[in-house]
Amino acid sequence: YQHSTRKEINMASPTEIRKGRVIVYQGGPHLVLEMLHRTQGRQAGFVQTTLRSLQSGSTTTTKFRSTDNVEFLHTSTQKLEYSYKDTEGHHFMDIETYEDTILPLEIIGEDENFLVEGNSYDILLVDGEAVRLELPASVEAKVIEAPDAVRGDTAGNVLKPVLVSSGITVQVPLFIKKDDVIKISTTDRSYLGRT
């Protein structure tokens, strides 16, 4: 059985562009971050998109006329467990096959703040190759350092900074202590509760 080397090419109209899909732009795979569909009077409409190059990580804003053809790449999502980080990048493991998938440091970028060893994450694959970490809305992390609440600090919603296992500092209510597992929003790093 030979794996066909011909990649499936899905040509479609720009109106099919959706956030999260991957298209070919200027010869390379780009992830659609945002899209707006616009029409101008009687003229053909266009789709304004914000694309991120999956090769360089840089972001561009570009317009596609509705008459253009866009090539979509086949994407899939795989849930992998975060293992560790080294000079090659961040290692994720398939817990069924124990296969190691590495995402380069520049692809993960600031999302590294939410990587907790042993947690599972969705990884976006393009033609079977891992290209992006899809962060959940919140992650759970263990508090590894927490200052003791000072007596007299009971007024209202006073917060204190704690360090969590992914390496970031989060402002939390005073009753949170070391070894608690807390939920953190991945959009603004805010405290969402204790688990």
Protein backbone atom coordinates (compact mmCIF):
# COMPACT_ATOMS: atom_id res chain seq x y z
CA TYR A 1 0.00 0.00 0.00
CA GLN A 2 1.55 3.23 -1.10
CA HIS A 3 0.57 6.49 0.44
CA SER A 4 -0.50 8.81 -2.34
CA THR A 5 1.91 11.72 -2.54
CA ARG A 6 -0.64 13.91 -4.30
CA LYS A 7 -2.06 16.15 -1.66
CA GLU A 8 -5.75 16.74 -1.91
CA ILE A 9 -6.27 20.21 -3.23
CA ASN A 10 -9.51 21.80 -2.20
CA MET A 11 -10.15 24.90 -4.25
CA ALA A 12 -13.05 26.99 -3.09
CA SER A 13 -14.46 30.46 -3.13
CA PRO A 14 -13.23 32.93 -0.46
CA THR A 15 -16.75 32.96 0.97
CA GLU A 16 -15.87 29.51 2.39
CA ILE A 17 -13.08 31.03 4.49
CA ARG A 18 -13.71 30.50 8.18
CA LYS A 19 -11.76 31.32 11.31
CA GLY A 20 -9.56 28.37 12.19
CA ARG A 21 -9.27 27.00 8.66
CA VAL A 22 -5.92 26.83 6.90
CA ILE A 23 -5.46 28.20 3.39
CA VAL A 24 -2.56 28.55 1.00
CA TYR A 25 -1.49 32.17 0.60
CA GLN A 26 1.63 33.25 -1.28
CA GLY A 27 2.70 29.64 -1.51
CA GLY A 28 2.60 28.81 2.19
CA PRO A 29 0.03 27.56 4.72
CA HIS A 30 -1.75 30.31 6.64
CA LEU A 31 -4.19 30.01 9.48
CA VAL A 32 -7.28 32.22 9.28
CA LEU A 33 -7.42 34.26 12.51
CA GLU A 34 -10.26 36.61 11.53
CA MET A 35 -12.49 37.10 8.53
CA LEU A 36 -15.04 39.72 7.50
CA HIS A 37 -17.30 39.42 4.51
CA ARG A 38 -17.91 42.75 2.81
CA THR A 39 -19.98 43.80 -0.14
CA GLN A 40 -19.60 47.05 -2.02
CA GLY A 41 -22.73 48.21 -3.78
CA ARG A 42 -23.13 46.41 -7.06
CA GLN A 43 -19.57 45.27 -7.25
CA ALA A 44 -18.60 41.77 -6.27
CA GLY A 45 -17.96 41.53 -2.55
CA PHE A 46 -14.71 40.63 -0.94
CA VAL A 47 -13.52 38.84 2.15
CA GLN A 48 -11.09 40.61 4.41
CA THR A 49 -8.94 38.20 6.36
CA THR A 50 -6.22 38.22 8.97
CA LEU A 51 -3.86 35.34 8.30
CA ARG A 52 -0.97 33.93 10.28
CA SER A 53 1.81 32.18 8.42
CA LEU A 54 2.30 28.74 9.91
CA GLN A 55 5.91 28.85 8.77
CA SER A 56 7.08 32.23 10.05
CA GLY A 57 4.37 33.05 12.57
CA SER A 58 3.92 36.52 11.08
CA THR A 59 0.44 37.95 10.60
CA THR A 60 -0.89 39.65 7.47
CA THR A 61 -4.20 41.24 6.58
CA THR A 62 -5.36 40.55 3.06
CA LYS A 63 -8.46 40.81 0.90
CA PHE A 64 -9.82 38.14 -1.41
CA ARG A 65 -12.31 39.06 -4.12
CA SER A 66 -15.31 36.77 -4.22
CA THR A 67 -14.21 35.68 -7.70
CA ASP A 68 -10.80 34.50 -6.45
CA ASN A 69 -10.07 30.86 -5.79
CA VAL A 70 -8.63 29.84 -2.48
CA GLU A 71 -6.88 26.57 -1.73
CA PHE A 72 -7.81 24.96 1.56
CA LEU A 73 -5.53 22.52 3.31
CA HIS A 74 -6.81 19.46 5.09
CA THR A 75 -6.70 20.03 8.83
CA SER A 76 -7.45 17.85 11.80
CA THR A 77 -7.15 18.22 15.53
CA GLN A 78 -5.47 15.77 17.86
CA LYS A 79 -5.56 15.75 21.64
CA LEU A 80 -2.03 15.32 22.98
CA GLU A 81 -0.57 15.40 26.46
CA TYR A 82 2.04 18.03 27.20
CA SER A 83 5.31 16.42 28.30
CA TYR A 84 8.20 18.86 28.51
CA LYS A 85 10.16 21.61 26.79
CA ASP A 86 13.73 21.51 25.51
CA THR A 87 15.81 23.31 22.88
CA GLU A 88 13.89 21.59 20.06
CA GLY A 89 10.57 22.91 21.29
CA HIS A 90 7.58 21.75 23.30
CA HIS A 91 6.97 18.02 23.34
CA PHE A 92 3.47 16.59 23.27
CA MET A 93 2.71 12.90 23.51
CA ASP A 94 -0.03 10.75 22.05
CA ILE A 95 -1.09 8.77 25.12
CA GLU A 96 -2.17 5.81 23.00
CA THR A 97 0.85 5.44 20.73
CA TYR A 98 3.42 7.29 22.89
CA GLU A 99 4.43 9.12 19.73
CA ASP A 100 6.22 12.41 20.41
CA THR A 101 5.07 15.55 18.58
CA ILE A 102 7.22 18.66 18.82
CA LEU A 103 5.89 22.17 18.36
CA PRO A 104 8.65 24.77 17.88
CA LEU A 105 9.02 27.48 20.52
CA GLU A 106 8.04 30.25 18.08
CA ILE A 107 4.75 28.53 17.22
CA ILE A 108 3.81 28.23 20.90
CA GLY A 109 4.99 31.73 21.76
CA GLU A 110 3.20 33.19 24.77
CA ASP A 111 0.83 30.24 24.96
CA GLU A 112 3.68 28.56 26.83
CA ASN A 113 2.29 30.33 29.90
CA PHE A 114 -0.61 27.89 29.90
CA LEU A 115 1.23 24.65 29.29
CA VAL A 116 1.00 22.35 32.29
CA GLU A 117 2.76 19.00 32.21
CA GLY A 118 0.32 16.12 32.10
CA ASN A 119 -2.58 18.23 30.77
CA SER A 120 -3.99 17.43 27.33
CA TYR A 121 -4.25 20.04 24.59
CA ASP A 122 -5.74 20.19 21.12
CA ILE A 123 -3.06 20.40 18.44
CA LEU A 124 -4.02 21.53 14.95
CA LEU A 125 -2.52 19.37 12.22
CA VAL A 126 -2.22 20.38 8.57
CA ASP A 127 -1.74 17.41 6.28
CA GLY A 128 -0.71 15.43 9.34
CA GLU A 129 1.89 17.94 10.53
CA ALA A 130 1.45 19.73 13.86
CA VAL A 131 1.23 23.48 13.28
CA ARG A 132 -0.59 25.08 16.16
CA LEU A 133 -1.62 24.71 19.75
CA GLU A 134 -5.34 25.36 20.22
CA LEU A 135 -5.68 26.61 23.76
CA PRO A 136 -8.85 25.79 25.67
CA ALA A 137 -10.78 28.69 27.23
CA SER A 138 -9.26 27.82 30.59
CA VAL A 139 -6.53 25.62 32.00
CA GLU A 140 -6.03 24.07 35.40
CA ALA A 141 -2.72 24.62 37.12
CA LYS A 142 -1.36 23.91 40.57
CA VAL A 143 -0.33 26.75 42.86
CA ILE A 144 3.35 26.23 43.66
CA GLU A 145 4.04 29.42 45.62
CA ALA A 146 1.52 31.49 47.56
CA PRO A 147 2.14 34.23 50.11
CA ASP A 148 0.20 33.84 53.34
CA ALA A 149 -2.73 36.17 53.70
CA VAL A 150 -1.90 38.99 56.07
CA ARG A 151 -4.38 39.46 58.92
CA GLY A 152 -6.43 42.56 58.38
CA ASP A 153 -6.52 41.87 54.62
CA THR A 154 -10.11 40.75 54.78
CA ALA A 155 -11.62 43.84 53.20
CA GLY A 156 -13.67 42.99 50.13
CA ASN A 157 -12.15 41.29 47.14
CA VAL A 158 -8.48 41.68 47.88
CA LEU A 159 -6.28 39.59 45.60
CA LYS A 160 -2.78 38.23 46.04
CA PRO A 161 -0.29 36.99 43.45
CA VAL A 162 0.50 33.27 43.33
CA LEU A 163 2.85 31.33 41.10
CA VAL A 164 1.35 28.38 39.24
CA SER A 165 2.95 25.28 37.76
CA SER A 166 2.96 26.63 34.20
CA GLY A 167 5.28 29.41 35.36
CA ILE A 168 3.02 32.46 35.44
CA THR A 169 1.77 34.61 38.27
CA VAL A 170 -1.99 34.88 38.73
CA GLN A 171 -3.95 37.21 41.00
CA VAL A 172 -6.20 35.09 43.20
CA PRO A 173 -8.45 35.49 46.28
CA LEU A 174 -6.73 35.33 49.67
CA PHE A 175 -8.03 31.86 50.59
CA ILE A 176 -6.04 30.16 47.82
CA LYS A 177 -3.03 28.35 49.19
CA LYS A 178 -0.04 26.37 47.95
CA ASP A 179 -0.98 23.06 46.24
CA ASP A 180 -4.51 24.22 45.36
CA VAL A 181 -5.44 23.57 41.74
CA ILE A 182 -7.01 26.61 40.14
CA LYS A 183 -8.65 27.40 36.81
CA ILE A 184 -7.11 30.22 34.77
CA SER A 185 -8.57 32.00 31.75
CA THR A 186 -6.30 31.70 28.71
CA THR A 187 -7.48 35.03 27.32
CA ASP A 188 -6.51 37.32 30.18
CA ARG A 189 -4.85 35.03 32.78
CA SER A 190 -7.60 35.76 35.28
CA TYR A 191 -8.56 33.43 38.12
CA LEU A 192 -11.78 31.51 37.38
CA GLY A 193 -12.10 29.33 40.45
CA ARG A 194 -10.69 26.48 42.41
CA THR A 195 -11.16 22.90 41.21
